[in-house]
Each structure stands twice: as structure tokens, then as C-alpha cells.
Amino acid sequence: MLTNAKGLRMKTPVGLGVIGIVTLILTALVAMIVLSKGPPLEAHDAYAFATAPSQKNGAVFLQIQSHRFNHDRLLSATAGNAADRVELHAHVMSGNTMSMRKVDALDLPPGAVTTLSPGGDHVMLMDLKAPLQEGQVFKVILRTERSGVLTVPVLVRAPGDVP
């Protein structure tokens, strides 16, 4: 109830509540637009370990920062100049045994950092075209469900040299 200039009580106009709701929605939309100006995903600290000449496989580790408001998934990756095949892998515990398995996708939760690391989720490089040499940089292209494609430079480090 509102009081008018004469002190008489009046019913609250229906539009007053609607105006508040509309103002709240518009404020949220403006915030979403402002926050969405940057890239939906960013990759940081991408690296692989140097391999021996006899090794046919390697792995890429990195952090993926999601700036999205909704869930995304990493669907696939390619590394054309480094490997013939690339798969997404996760380490899965079965009883007392840890094993590595190919997965169809890796989750990228909204507003979170997803870390691909040794002993965890990673991008598996299979059928390397040449050994990965310390100091070398190659590119991996990540394809996501909602954010499109992300090209990531990968630095080859000495085995065990985790950033």
C-alpha cells in the first residue's frame, strides 16, 4: 500500500513490480554482454614432454579457462604437424588400477579452469611424425561444442619439467 499526498492509502500499482523485474532483467543482460566481450575460452601453459626417437606417442597438458555462462565440452583436437592422430584421454580408476581411456569429450564447466595434467585428463598425440624436442613449439587445435575452435601453441619441455 502507498500513501498519497492527502495521507490516504492507495493500492500499489501493478506496474511497479513489473518495472522492478524488467530493470533487474535488463541489468543482468547488460552484465552478460559486458562479460561476454572477451573470448569464451582461453588456454594457458600448454606443454608436452620431449620424446625419445623410438616413442610413437606423446601428450599435451594445459589449462583451459572458461569465461562462458553455460557448460561447454572439448570434443576433439588435432596436431597436424606433430601427430597423425589425436585423442582426448582420461585416467580412470578401476579397483586399485589406474588406466588411461579415450573419451568422447572433456567437460569445461562455466567460469572454471579445467586442468589437463600428467596422471589426469590430457590430449594424447598418437603416431608422432617426429620426436618432440625440448624447446620446440607446435600448435594444437581444440574444437569445442559451443565455443568453436581454439588454436593453442604447445611448448615441448624436458621430461618431468612441469610448469
N, C-alpha and C. Protein backbone atom coordinates (compact mmCIF):
# COMPACT_ATOMS: atom_id res chain seq x y z
N MET A 1 0.83 -1.18 0.00
CA MET A 1 0.00 0.00 0.00
C MET A 1 0.88 1.25 0.00
N LEU A 2 0.43 2.25 -0.71
CA LEU A 2 1.10 3.54 -0.76
C LEU A 2 0.21 4.59 -0.12
N THR A 3 0.81 5.69 0.30
CA THR A 3 0.04 6.80 0.85
C THR A 3 0.16 7.98 -0.10
N ASN A 4 -0.98 8.62 -0.43
CA ASN A 4 -0.92 9.78 -1.34
C ASN A 4 -0.64 11.06 -0.55
N ALA A 5 -0.63 12.20 -1.24
CA ALA A 5 -0.29 13.48 -0.62
C ALA A 5 -1.28 13.85 0.50
N LYS A 6 -2.50 13.39 0.45
CA LYS A 6 -3.51 13.71 1.47
C LYS A 6 -3.48 12.70 2.61
N GLY A 7 -2.55 11.73 2.55
CA GLY A 7 -2.46 10.75 3.61
C GLY A 7 -3.41 9.58 3.46
N LEU A 8 -4.06 9.50 2.31
CA LEU A 8 -4.97 8.39 2.06
C LEU A 8 -4.21 7.20 1.51
N ARG A 9 -4.61 6.01 1.93
CA ARG A 9 -3.95 4.79 1.44
C ARG A 9 -4.45 4.45 0.05
N MET A 10 -3.48 4.01 -0.80
CA MET A 10 -3.83 3.61 -2.17
C MET A 10 -3.24 2.22 -2.40
N LYS A 11 -3.83 1.48 -3.29
CA LYS A 11 -3.28 0.18 -3.67
C LYS A 11 -2.02 0.41 -4.49
N THR A 12 -1.05 -0.51 -4.37
CA THR A 12 0.18 -0.42 -5.15
C THR A 12 -0.14 -0.70 -6.60
N PRO A 13 0.31 0.17 -7.51
CA PRO A 13 0.06 -0.09 -8.93
C PRO A 13 0.75 -1.38 -9.35
N VAL A 14 0.10 -2.16 -10.19
CA VAL A 14 0.64 -3.43 -10.67
C VAL A 14 1.96 -3.19 -11.41
N GLY A 15 2.07 -2.12 -12.14
CA GLY A 15 3.25 -1.83 -12.96
C GLY A 15 4.52 -1.63 -12.15
N LEU A 16 4.41 -1.26 -10.87
CA LEU A 16 5.60 -1.01 -10.07
C LEU A 16 6.43 -2.28 -9.91
N GLY A 17 5.82 -3.42 -9.65
CA GLY A 17 6.55 -4.68 -9.54
C GLY A 17 7.13 -5.11 -10.87
N VAL A 18 6.41 -4.89 -11.93
CA VAL A 18 6.87 -5.25 -13.27
C VAL A 18 8.09 -4.41 -13.65
N ILE A 19 8.06 -3.13 -13.31
CA ILE A 19 9.19 -2.25 -13.62
C ILE A 19 10.45 -2.75 -12.91
N GLY A 20 10.31 -3.16 -11.66
CA GLY A 20 11.46 -3.69 -10.91
C GLY A 20 12.03 -4.94 -11.55
N ILE A 21 11.15 -5.83 -11.99
CA ILE A 21 11.58 -7.07 -12.63
C ILE A 21 12.26 -6.77 -13.97
N VAL A 22 11.68 -5.88 -14.74
CA VAL A 22 12.26 -5.51 -16.03
C VAL A 22 13.64 -4.87 -15.82
N THR A 23 13.75 -4.00 -14.82
CA THR A 23 15.05 -3.37 -14.52
C THR A 23 16.09 -4.43 -14.15
N LEU A 24 15.72 -5.40 -13.36
CA LEU A 24 16.63 -6.48 -12.96
C LEU A 24 17.08 -7.29 -14.17
N ILE A 25 16.15 -7.63 -15.04
CA ILE A 25 16.48 -8.41 -16.24
C ILE A 25 17.41 -7.62 -17.14
N LEU A 26 17.12 -6.34 -17.35
CA LEU A 26 17.98 -5.51 -18.21
C LEU A 26 19.38 -5.37 -17.63
N THR A 27 19.47 -5.22 -16.31
CA THR A 27 20.79 -5.14 -15.66
C THR A 27 21.57 -6.43 -15.87
N ALA A 28 20.91 -7.58 -15.73
CA ALA A 28 21.57 -8.88 -15.95
C ALA A 28 22.02 -9.02 -17.40
N LEU A 29 21.20 -8.59 -18.33
CA LEU A 29 21.58 -8.68 -19.75
C LEU A 29 22.78 -7.81 -20.07
N VAL A 30 22.80 -6.59 -19.53
CA VAL A 30 23.95 -5.70 -19.74
C VAL A 30 25.21 -6.33 -19.17
N ALA A 31 25.12 -6.93 -17.98
CA ALA A 31 26.29 -7.60 -17.37
C ALA A 31 26.77 -8.74 -18.25
N MET A 32 25.84 -9.53 -18.79
CA MET A 32 26.23 -10.65 -19.66
C MET A 32 26.91 -10.14 -20.93
N ILE A 33 26.43 -9.07 -21.50
CA ILE A 33 27.03 -8.51 -22.71
C ILE A 33 28.43 -8.01 -22.42
N VAL A 34 28.58 -7.29 -21.32
CA VAL A 34 29.90 -6.76 -20.95
C VAL A 34 30.88 -7.89 -20.71
N LEU A 35 30.47 -8.93 -19.96
CA LEU A 35 31.36 -10.04 -19.65
C LEU A 35 31.66 -10.91 -20.86
N SER A 36 30.77 -10.93 -21.84
CA SER A 36 30.97 -11.80 -23.00
C SER A 36 31.83 -11.16 -24.08
N LYS A 37 32.35 -9.98 -23.85
CA LYS A 37 33.17 -9.30 -24.87
C LYS A 37 34.49 -10.03 -25.11
N GLY A 38 35.05 -10.69 -24.09
CA GLY A 38 36.30 -11.41 -24.26
C GLY A 38 36.07 -12.77 -24.89
N PRO A 39 37.14 -13.53 -25.08
CA PRO A 39 36.99 -14.87 -25.67
C PRO A 39 36.26 -15.80 -24.70
N PRO A 40 35.46 -16.73 -25.23
CA PRO A 40 34.74 -17.65 -24.35
C PRO A 40 35.67 -18.62 -23.63
N LEU A 41 36.80 -18.95 -24.27
CA LEU A 41 37.78 -19.85 -23.67
C LEU A 41 39.18 -19.29 -23.89
N GLU A 42 40.06 -19.54 -22.93
CA GLU A 42 41.47 -19.21 -23.07
C GLU A 42 42.30 -20.40 -22.61
N ALA A 43 43.38 -20.67 -23.32
CA ALA A 43 44.28 -21.77 -22.94
C ALA A 43 45.57 -21.17 -22.37
N HIS A 44 46.07 -21.79 -21.31
CA HIS A 44 47.28 -21.31 -20.65
C HIS A 44 48.25 -22.46 -20.42
N ASP A 45 49.52 -22.15 -20.45
CA ASP A 45 50.57 -23.09 -20.04
C ASP A 45 50.51 -24.44 -20.76
N ALA A 46 50.29 -24.44 -22.06
CA ALA A 46 50.25 -25.69 -22.82
C ALA A 46 51.67 -26.22 -23.01
N TYR A 47 51.84 -27.49 -22.70
CA TYR A 47 53.17 -28.10 -22.85
C TYR A 47 53.04 -29.58 -23.15
N ALA A 48 54.12 -30.13 -23.67
CA ALA A 48 54.29 -31.57 -23.89
C ALA A 48 55.70 -31.91 -23.45
N PHE A 49 55.94 -33.17 -23.15
CA PHE A 49 57.29 -33.59 -22.79
C PHE A 49 58.03 -34.06 -24.03
N ALA A 50 59.33 -33.80 -24.07
CA ALA A 50 60.17 -34.30 -25.15
C ALA A 50 60.09 -35.82 -25.17
N THR A 51 60.18 -36.39 -26.36
CA THR A 51 60.09 -37.84 -26.51
C THR A 51 61.39 -38.41 -27.07
N ALA A 52 61.61 -39.69 -26.81
CA ALA A 52 62.76 -40.40 -27.37
C ALA A 52 62.47 -40.74 -28.83
N PRO A 53 63.50 -40.95 -29.63
CA PRO A 53 63.28 -41.27 -31.05
C PRO A 53 62.38 -42.49 -31.27
N SER A 54 62.38 -43.44 -30.34
CA SER A 54 61.57 -44.65 -30.52
C SER A 54 60.11 -44.48 -30.07
N GLN A 55 59.80 -43.39 -29.37
CA GLN A 55 58.44 -43.16 -28.89
C GLN A 55 57.53 -42.74 -30.03
N LYS A 56 56.37 -43.35 -30.09
CA LYS A 56 55.39 -43.02 -31.12
C LYS A 56 54.26 -42.15 -30.60
N ASN A 57 54.19 -42.00 -29.26
CA ASN A 57 53.10 -41.22 -28.66
C ASN A 57 53.64 -40.17 -27.71
N GLY A 58 52.85 -39.14 -27.52
CA GLY A 58 53.15 -38.08 -26.56
C GLY A 58 51.83 -37.55 -26.02
N ALA A 59 51.90 -36.53 -25.18
CA ALA A 59 50.67 -35.96 -24.62
C ALA A 59 50.83 -34.45 -24.45
N VAL A 60 49.70 -33.77 -24.52
CA VAL A 60 49.67 -32.32 -24.30
C VAL A 60 48.88 -32.05 -23.04
N PHE A 61 49.42 -31.15 -22.22
CA PHE A 61 48.80 -30.76 -20.96
C PHE A 61 48.61 -29.24 -20.99
N LEU A 62 47.54 -28.76 -20.41
CA LEU A 62 47.26 -27.33 -20.41
C LEU A 62 46.14 -27.00 -19.46
N GLN A 63 45.89 -25.72 -19.29
CA GLN A 63 44.74 -25.24 -18.54
C GLN A 63 43.81 -24.52 -19.51
N ILE A 64 42.52 -24.78 -19.37
CA ILE A 64 41.52 -24.11 -20.20
C ILE A 64 40.60 -23.33 -19.28
N GLN A 65 40.63 -22.01 -19.43
CA GLN A 65 39.77 -21.12 -18.64
C GLN A 65 38.50 -20.84 -19.41
N SER A 66 37.36 -21.15 -18.82
CA SER A 66 36.07 -20.89 -19.44
C SER A 66 35.52 -19.56 -18.92
N HIS A 67 35.16 -18.69 -19.84
CA HIS A 67 34.50 -17.43 -19.49
C HIS A 67 33.03 -17.49 -19.87
N ARG A 68 32.53 -18.67 -20.13
CA ARG A 68 31.14 -18.85 -20.57
C ARG A 68 30.20 -18.87 -19.38
N PHE A 69 28.91 -18.61 -19.65
CA PHE A 69 27.88 -18.67 -18.64
C PHE A 69 27.20 -20.03 -18.63
N ASN A 70 27.51 -20.85 -19.64
CA ASN A 70 26.91 -22.18 -19.70
C ASN A 70 27.99 -23.22 -19.97
N HIS A 71 27.62 -24.45 -19.80
CA HIS A 71 28.52 -25.59 -19.92
C HIS A 71 29.05 -25.73 -21.35
N ASP A 72 30.30 -26.12 -21.50
CA ASP A 72 30.89 -26.41 -22.81
C ASP A 72 31.63 -27.73 -22.68
N ARG A 73 32.03 -28.29 -23.82
CA ARG A 73 32.79 -29.54 -23.82
C ARG A 73 33.87 -29.48 -24.88
N LEU A 74 35.04 -30.00 -24.56
CA LEU A 74 36.11 -30.18 -25.53
C LEU A 74 35.80 -31.47 -26.27
N LEU A 75 35.60 -31.37 -27.60
CA LEU A 75 35.16 -32.51 -28.39
C LEU A 75 36.29 -33.24 -29.11
N SER A 76 37.29 -32.48 -29.57
CA SER A 76 38.38 -33.12 -30.31
C SER A 76 39.56 -32.17 -30.39
N ALA A 77 40.67 -32.71 -30.87
CA ALA A 77 41.88 -31.91 -31.06
C ALA A 77 42.64 -32.47 -32.26
N THR A 78 43.41 -31.60 -32.89
CA THR A 78 44.31 -32.02 -33.97
C THR A 78 45.67 -31.38 -33.74
N ALA A 79 46.69 -32.03 -34.25
CA ALA A 79 48.06 -31.50 -34.16
C ALA A 79 48.76 -31.89 -35.45
N GLY A 80 48.27 -31.34 -36.56
CA GLY A 80 48.68 -31.73 -37.90
C GLY A 80 50.17 -31.85 -38.14
N ASN A 81 50.98 -30.94 -37.61
CA ASN A 81 52.42 -31.01 -37.88
C ASN A 81 53.17 -31.87 -36.86
N ALA A 82 52.47 -32.37 -35.81
CA ALA A 82 53.15 -33.15 -34.78
C ALA A 82 52.75 -34.62 -34.74
N ALA A 83 51.46 -34.90 -35.01
CA ALA A 83 50.98 -36.28 -34.88
C ALA A 83 49.90 -36.56 -35.91
N ASP A 84 49.85 -37.83 -36.31
CA ASP A 84 48.82 -38.24 -37.27
C ASP A 84 47.45 -38.38 -36.62
N ARG A 85 47.41 -38.80 -35.37
CA ARG A 85 46.14 -38.98 -34.66
C ARG A 85 46.21 -38.28 -33.32
N VAL A 86 45.08 -37.72 -32.91
CA VAL A 86 44.99 -37.07 -31.61
C VAL A 86 43.69 -37.51 -30.95
N GLU A 87 43.78 -37.89 -29.69
CA GLU A 87 42.60 -38.33 -28.94
C GLU A 87 42.54 -37.61 -27.60
N LEU A 88 41.34 -37.50 -27.06
CA LEU A 88 41.15 -36.98 -25.71
C LEU A 88 41.17 -38.17 -24.77
N HIS A 89 41.97 -38.08 -23.71
CA HIS A 89 42.11 -39.20 -22.77
C HIS A 89 41.83 -38.75 -21.35
N ALA A 90 41.33 -39.70 -20.56
CA ALA A 90 41.14 -39.50 -19.13
C ALA A 90 41.74 -40.70 -18.41
N HIS A 91 42.22 -40.46 -17.22
CA HIS A 91 42.67 -41.56 -16.37
C HIS A 91 41.48 -42.00 -15.53
N VAL A 92 41.23 -43.30 -15.53
CA VAL A 92 40.07 -43.86 -14.84
C VAL A 92 40.57 -44.88 -13.82
N MET A 93 40.06 -44.78 -12.61
CA MET A 93 40.42 -45.73 -11.56
C MET A 93 39.42 -46.87 -11.58
N SER A 94 39.91 -48.10 -11.73
CA SER A 94 39.07 -49.29 -11.72
C SER A 94 39.63 -50.22 -10.65
N GLY A 95 38.96 -50.26 -9.49
CA GLY A 95 39.51 -51.02 -8.36
C GLY A 95 40.76 -50.33 -7.87
N ASN A 96 41.88 -51.06 -7.88
CA ASN A 96 43.16 -50.48 -7.49
C ASN A 96 44.03 -50.13 -8.68
N THR A 97 43.44 -50.17 -9.88
CA THR A 97 44.22 -49.96 -11.09
C THR A 97 43.82 -48.67 -11.78
N MET A 98 44.79 -47.84 -12.09
CA MET A 98 44.57 -46.61 -12.84
C MET A 98 44.87 -46.91 -14.30
N SER A 99 43.93 -46.57 -15.18
CA SER A 99 44.19 -46.79 -16.60
C SER A 99 43.78 -45.56 -17.38
N MET A 100 44.33 -45.46 -18.58
CA MET A 100 44.07 -44.34 -19.46
C MET A 100 43.05 -44.79 -20.48
N ARG A 101 42.03 -43.96 -20.72
CA ARG A 101 40.99 -44.32 -21.67
C ARG A 101 40.67 -43.15 -22.58
N LYS A 102 40.37 -43.49 -23.82
CA LYS A 102 39.89 -42.49 -24.76
C LYS A 102 38.48 -42.09 -24.33
N VAL A 103 38.19 -40.78 -24.40
CA VAL A 103 36.85 -40.29 -24.08
C VAL A 103 36.33 -39.48 -25.26
N ASP A 104 35.02 -39.39 -25.37
CA ASP A 104 34.40 -38.64 -26.47
C ASP A 104 34.50 -37.14 -26.27
N ALA A 105 34.56 -36.70 -25.01
CA ALA A 105 34.60 -35.27 -24.72
C ALA A 105 35.11 -35.06 -23.30
N LEU A 106 35.62 -33.85 -23.05
CA LEU A 106 36.01 -33.45 -21.71
C LEU A 106 35.16 -32.24 -21.32
N ASP A 107 34.62 -32.25 -20.12
CA ASP A 107 33.76 -31.17 -19.65
C ASP A 107 34.56 -29.90 -19.38
N LEU A 108 33.96 -28.76 -19.76
CA LEU A 108 34.51 -27.44 -19.49
C LEU A 108 33.42 -26.65 -18.74
N PRO A 109 33.40 -26.77 -17.40
CA PRO A 109 32.35 -26.11 -16.63
C PRO A 109 32.39 -24.59 -16.78
N PRO A 110 31.24 -23.93 -16.69
CA PRO A 110 31.19 -22.47 -16.85
C PRO A 110 31.99 -21.75 -15.77
N GLY A 111 32.78 -20.76 -16.20
CA GLY A 111 33.52 -19.93 -15.27
C GLY A 111 34.64 -20.63 -14.52
N ALA A 112 35.05 -21.81 -14.95
CA ALA A 112 36.05 -22.60 -14.23
C ALA A 112 37.31 -22.81 -15.07
N VAL A 113 38.37 -23.22 -14.39
CA VAL A 113 39.60 -23.62 -15.06
C VAL A 113 39.64 -25.14 -15.07
N THR A 114 39.78 -25.72 -16.26
CA THR A 114 39.93 -27.16 -16.41
C THR A 114 41.40 -27.44 -16.66
N THR A 115 42.00 -28.27 -15.83
CA THR A 115 43.43 -28.56 -15.95
C THR A 115 43.62 -29.95 -16.53
N LEU A 116 44.34 -30.01 -17.65
CA LEU A 116 44.75 -31.28 -18.24
C LEU A 116 46.19 -31.47 -17.81
N SER A 117 46.47 -32.55 -17.07
CA SER A 117 47.78 -32.70 -16.46
C SER A 117 48.24 -34.16 -16.47
N PRO A 118 49.56 -34.38 -16.28
CA PRO A 118 50.06 -35.75 -16.21
C PRO A 118 49.31 -36.52 -15.11
N GLY A 119 48.88 -37.73 -15.43
CA GLY A 119 48.13 -38.53 -14.48
C GLY A 119 46.65 -38.20 -14.46
N GLY A 120 46.22 -37.29 -15.32
CA GLY A 120 44.81 -36.90 -15.38
C GLY A 120 44.37 -36.80 -16.83
N ASP A 121 43.35 -36.00 -17.06
CA ASP A 121 42.89 -35.78 -18.42
C ASP A 121 44.01 -35.14 -19.25
N HIS A 122 44.06 -35.48 -20.54
CA HIS A 122 45.10 -34.93 -21.41
C HIS A 122 44.72 -35.11 -22.88
N VAL A 123 45.47 -34.46 -23.73
CA VAL A 123 45.33 -34.61 -25.18
C VAL A 123 46.44 -35.57 -25.61
N MET A 124 46.06 -36.73 -26.13
CA MET A 124 47.03 -37.77 -26.49
C MET A 124 47.44 -37.62 -27.95
N LEU A 125 48.75 -37.50 -28.17
CA LEU A 125 49.31 -37.42 -29.53
C LEU A 125 49.75 -38.83 -29.91
N MET A 126 49.19 -39.35 -31.00
CA MET A 126 49.50 -40.71 -31.40
C MET A 126 50.11 -40.71 -32.80
N ASP A 127 51.03 -41.63 -33.02
CA ASP A 127 51.76 -41.71 -34.28
C ASP A 127 52.47 -40.39 -34.58
N LEU A 128 53.38 -40.04 -33.65
CA LEU A 128 54.16 -38.81 -33.83
C LEU A 128 54.89 -38.83 -35.17
N LYS A 129 54.91 -37.69 -35.84
CA LYS A 129 55.59 -37.60 -37.13
C LYS A 129 57.10 -37.51 -36.95
N ALA A 130 57.53 -37.01 -35.81
CA ALA A 130 58.95 -36.91 -35.45
C ALA A 130 59.01 -36.79 -33.93
N PRO A 131 60.15 -37.13 -33.33
CA PRO A 131 60.25 -36.97 -31.89
C PRO A 131 60.01 -35.51 -31.49
N LEU A 132 59.38 -35.31 -30.35
CA LEU A 132 59.19 -33.97 -29.81
C LEU A 132 60.48 -33.57 -29.12
N GLN A 133 61.02 -32.43 -29.52
CA GLN A 133 62.32 -31.99 -29.00
C GLN A 133 62.16 -30.79 -28.07
N GLU A 134 62.89 -30.83 -26.96
CA GLU A 134 62.83 -29.76 -25.98
C GLU A 134 63.04 -28.40 -26.66
N GLY A 135 62.18 -27.44 -26.32
CA GLY A 135 62.26 -26.10 -26.90
C GLY A 135 61.41 -25.91 -28.15
N GLN A 136 61.01 -27.00 -28.76
CA GLN A 136 60.15 -26.95 -29.96
C GLN A 136 58.78 -26.40 -29.56
N VAL A 137 58.13 -25.71 -30.50
CA VAL A 137 56.75 -25.26 -30.30
C VAL A 137 55.92 -25.76 -31.49
N PHE A 138 54.79 -26.37 -31.20
CA PHE A 138 53.86 -26.79 -32.25
C PHE A 138 52.46 -26.37 -31.83
N LYS A 139 51.53 -26.43 -32.76
CA LYS A 139 50.16 -25.99 -32.47
C LYS A 139 49.21 -27.17 -32.37
N VAL A 140 48.31 -27.05 -31.42
CA VAL A 140 47.20 -27.99 -31.28
C VAL A 140 45.93 -27.18 -31.48
N ILE A 141 45.01 -27.73 -32.23
CA ILE A 141 43.73 -27.07 -32.47
C ILE A 141 42.65 -27.83 -31.69
N LEU A 142 42.00 -27.12 -30.78
CA LEU A 142 40.96 -27.70 -29.94
C LEU A 142 39.59 -27.30 -30.50
N ARG A 143 38.69 -28.27 -30.61
CA ARG A 143 37.33 -27.99 -31.09
C ARG A 143 36.36 -28.26 -29.95
N THR A 144 35.54 -27.25 -29.66
CA THR A 144 34.58 -27.37 -28.56
C THR A 144 33.15 -27.41 -29.08
N GLU A 145 32.26 -27.78 -28.20
CA GLU A 145 30.85 -27.90 -28.57
C GLU A 145 30.20 -26.54 -28.82
N ARG A 146 30.51 -25.55 -27.99
CA ARG A 146 29.82 -24.25 -28.09
C ARG A 146 30.72 -23.09 -28.41
N SER A 147 32.00 -23.17 -28.09
CA SER A 147 32.89 -22.02 -28.24
C SER A 147 33.70 -22.04 -29.53
N GLY A 148 33.52 -23.06 -30.35
CA GLY A 148 34.23 -23.12 -31.62
C GLY A 148 35.62 -23.70 -31.47
N VAL A 149 36.55 -23.11 -32.22
CA VAL A 149 37.91 -23.64 -32.33
C VAL A 149 38.89 -22.74 -31.60
N LEU A 150 39.85 -23.35 -30.94
CA LEU A 150 40.89 -22.63 -30.21
C LEU A 150 42.24 -23.19 -30.64
N THR A 151 43.11 -22.34 -31.20
CA THR A 151 44.45 -22.76 -31.60
C THR A 151 45.41 -22.43 -30.47
N VAL A 152 46.17 -23.45 -30.04
CA VAL A 152 47.00 -23.32 -28.85
C VAL A 152 48.46 -23.67 -29.18
N PRO A 153 49.40 -22.75 -28.92
CA PRO A 153 50.82 -23.11 -29.06
C PRO A 153 51.25 -24.00 -27.88
N VAL A 154 51.99 -25.05 -28.20
CA VAL A 154 52.43 -26.02 -27.19
C VAL A 154 53.96 -26.01 -27.14
N LEU A 155 54.51 -25.77 -25.96
CA LEU A 155 55.95 -25.78 -25.76
C LEU A 155 56.39 -27.17 -25.32
N VAL A 156 57.42 -27.71 -25.97
CA VAL A 156 57.96 -29.02 -25.58
C VAL A 156 58.99 -28.78 -24.49
N ARG A 157 58.79 -29.45 -23.34
CA ARG A 157 59.68 -29.32 -22.17
C ARG A 157 60.45 -30.62 -21.96
N ALA A 158 61.47 -30.53 -21.15
CA ALA A 158 62.22 -31.72 -20.74
C ALA A 158 61.27 -32.64 -19.96
N PRO A 159 61.41 -33.95 -20.08
CA PRO A 159 60.54 -34.87 -19.33
C PRO A 159 60.55 -34.53 -17.83
N GLY A 160 59.36 -34.42 -17.25
CA GLY A 160 59.24 -34.12 -15.82
C GLY A 160 59.26 -32.64 -15.49
N ASP A 161 59.55 -31.77 -16.45
CA ASP A 161 59.61 -30.32 -16.22
C ASP A 161 58.20 -29.74 -16.30
N VAL A 162 57.47 -29.84 -15.18
CA VAL A 162 56.09 -29.37 -15.13
C VAL A 162 56.09 -27.90 -14.70
N PRO A 163 55.37 -27.04 -15.43
CA PRO A 163 55.36 -25.62 -15.05
C PRO A 163 54.63 -25.37 -13.72
